[in-house]
Each structure stands twice: as C-alpha cells, then as structure tokens.
Amino acid sequence: MNKNILYPKNIDNLLKKNELIIQNEQNIEKIDKVIKWKNWFTTQNYNYNYVCKKNEFLKSYCDNNQFSLQIWHHGNKVDSIICNLLTNYYSEYNTELTKVVDI
C-alpha cells in the first residue's frame, strides 16, 4: 500500500484505503466496522475543508455505532489522534474543528 493510501491526507484516499481494507482484510469484525463507517459517512452532508499538515493523516473510527472522521499524527514510533473533524458523539478529542452530528 503506498504512503498516500496508508496515511491519507484527503477523503478520496481515505475512502480508497477503506475499500482496500474491505477487500483484503480477514477480520470480519474490522470489515463490518469499516462498512458501517462508510455507510455513516456517505449519509453526512459534510464538506471537508481541513488541510492536513506535515505528518498528519485522516482516519475513520467506528465502535458501538459511534463514528468519526479523525486527524492523526504519524510519529516515528507511534501514531496518535489529534482531534475529530466529524463525529456523532462527544469525546475528549472534539475541538473547535469538530462538527457533531446525529446525537
């Protein structure tokens, strides 16, 4: 998987990454979460306008019907979450950039 897909900086590459996970993952639970996130995201009327900085990338999150589009920092040893951009739940990662929907 190339770096643009592995660490997507735009929605198109994030969706490509998720499709690759759906097609190639063996863990059925992970596939189900990615599909649920994709279904949730496509129903949102969200205009993505954040520009990822150096070492930032987008990531999808799904757990117990909690969904979010997140910004992560890619570090030398570990990747860590910065904040949510779009979510349907409140969390400590919500900031002024976060749009909360479907609560």
Protein backbone atom coordinates (compact mmCIF):
# COMPACT_ATOMS: atom_id res chain seq x y z
CA MET A 1 0.00 0.00 0.00
CA ASN A 2 1.53 3.34 -0.97
CA LYS A 3 2.07 6.14 1.55
CA ASN A 4 -0.77 8.30 0.15
CA ILE A 5 -3.23 5.50 0.86
CA LEU A 6 -1.64 4.29 4.10
CA TYR A 7 -1.60 7.83 5.53
CA PRO A 8 -4.41 9.56 3.60
CA LYS A 9 -4.47 13.35 3.59
CA ASN A 10 -7.75 13.65 1.70
CA ILE A 11 -11.15 11.99 1.73
CA ASP A 12 -10.64 10.22 -1.61
CA ASN A 13 -7.53 8.44 -0.37
CA LEU A 14 -9.20 7.58 2.94
CA LEU A 15 -12.10 6.01 1.06
CA LYS A 16 -9.62 4.09 -1.15
CA LYS A 17 -7.85 2.84 1.97
CA ASN A 18 -11.15 1.70 3.47
CA GLU A 19 -12.08 -0.11 0.24
CA LEU A 20 -8.75 -1.93 0.30
CA ILE A 21 -9.44 -2.96 3.90
CA ILE A 22 -12.90 -4.25 2.95
CA GLN A 23 -11.46 -6.24 0.03
CA ASN A 24 -8.36 -7.66 1.73
CA GLU A 25 -8.96 -7.86 5.48
CA GLN A 26 -9.60 -11.27 7.01
CA ASN A 27 -11.04 -9.99 10.29
CA ILE A 28 -14.82 -9.90 9.69
CA GLU A 29 -15.41 -7.57 12.65
CA LYS A 30 -12.97 -5.00 11.22
CA ILE A 31 -14.60 -5.24 7.80
CA ASP A 32 -18.02 -4.71 9.38
CA LYS A 33 -16.80 -1.60 11.22
CA VAL A 34 -15.30 -0.11 8.05
CA ILE A 35 -18.53 -0.75 6.13
CA LYS A 36 -20.61 0.82 8.93
CA TRP A 37 -18.34 3.85 8.96
CA LYS A 38 -18.56 4.18 5.17
CA ASN A 39 -22.37 4.00 5.30
CA TRP A 40 -22.49 6.60 8.06
CA PHE A 41 -20.05 8.94 6.33
CA THR A 42 -21.84 8.82 2.98
CA THR A 43 -25.08 9.93 4.65
CA GLN A 44 -23.48 13.06 6.08
CA ASN A 45 -23.64 16.36 4.27
CA TYR A 46 -20.09 17.28 5.22
CA ASN A 47 -17.78 19.46 3.18
CA TYR A 48 -14.24 18.55 4.13
CA ASN A 49 -12.07 21.66 4.14
CA TYR A 50 -9.24 20.85 6.55
CA VAL A 51 -5.77 20.67 5.00
CA CYS A 52 -3.57 18.09 6.70
CA LYS A 53 -0.22 19.40 7.89
CA LYS A 54 3.09 17.55 7.70
CA ASN A 55 2.82 14.10 9.34
CA GLU A 56 -0.96 14.40 9.72
CA PHE A 57 -3.40 11.99 8.13
CA LEU A 58 -7.11 11.11 8.17
CA LYS A 59 -8.53 8.05 9.84
CA SER A 60 -12.02 6.60 10.15
CA TYR A 61 -13.31 5.44 13.53
CA CYS A 62 -16.23 3.14 14.34
CA ASP A 63 -17.14 1.47 17.62
CA ASN A 64 -20.61 0.67 19.02
CA ASN A 65 -22.34 2.95 16.49
CA GLN A 66 -20.02 5.81 17.36
CA PHE A 67 -18.43 7.16 14.22
CA SER A 68 -15.89 9.84 13.48
CA LEU A 69 -13.55 11.22 10.88
CA GLN A 70 -10.30 11.88 12.72
CA ILE A 71 -6.97 13.63 12.22
CA TRP A 72 -3.95 11.66 13.41
CA HIS A 73 -0.26 12.48 13.73
CA HIS A 74 2.20 10.00 12.22
CA GLY A 75 5.20 9.78 14.53
CA ASN A 76 8.48 7.87 14.27
CA LYS A 77 7.39 5.21 16.77
CA VAL A 78 3.67 5.68 17.28
CA ASP A 79 0.68 7.35 15.62
CA SER A 80 -1.66 9.37 17.84
CA ILE A 81 -5.00 11.08 17.47
CA ILE A 82 -5.13 14.87 17.27
CA CYS A 83 -8.88 15.52 17.02
CA ASN A 84 -12.20 14.60 15.44
CA LEU A 85 -13.38 16.53 12.39
CA LEU A 86 -16.81 14.92 12.13
CA THR A 87 -18.46 12.74 14.74
CA ASN A 88 -21.80 11.54 16.09
CA TYR A 89 -20.70 11.50 19.76
CA TYR A 90 -18.95 13.76 22.23
CA SER A 91 -15.38 12.88 23.15
CA GLU A 92 -12.25 14.40 24.59
CA TYR A 93 -10.94 14.69 21.02
CA ASN A 94 -13.63 17.13 19.92
CA THR A 95 -12.29 20.64 19.28
CA GLU A 96 -13.49 23.81 17.57
CA LEU A 97 -12.79 21.98 14.28
CA THR A 98 -15.27 19.21 15.16
CA LYS A 99 -18.75 19.07 13.68
CA VAL A 100 -21.00 16.91 15.88
CA VAL A 101 -23.96 15.31 14.10
CA ASP A 102 -26.72 12.78 14.86
CA ILE A 103 -26.63 12.89 18.65
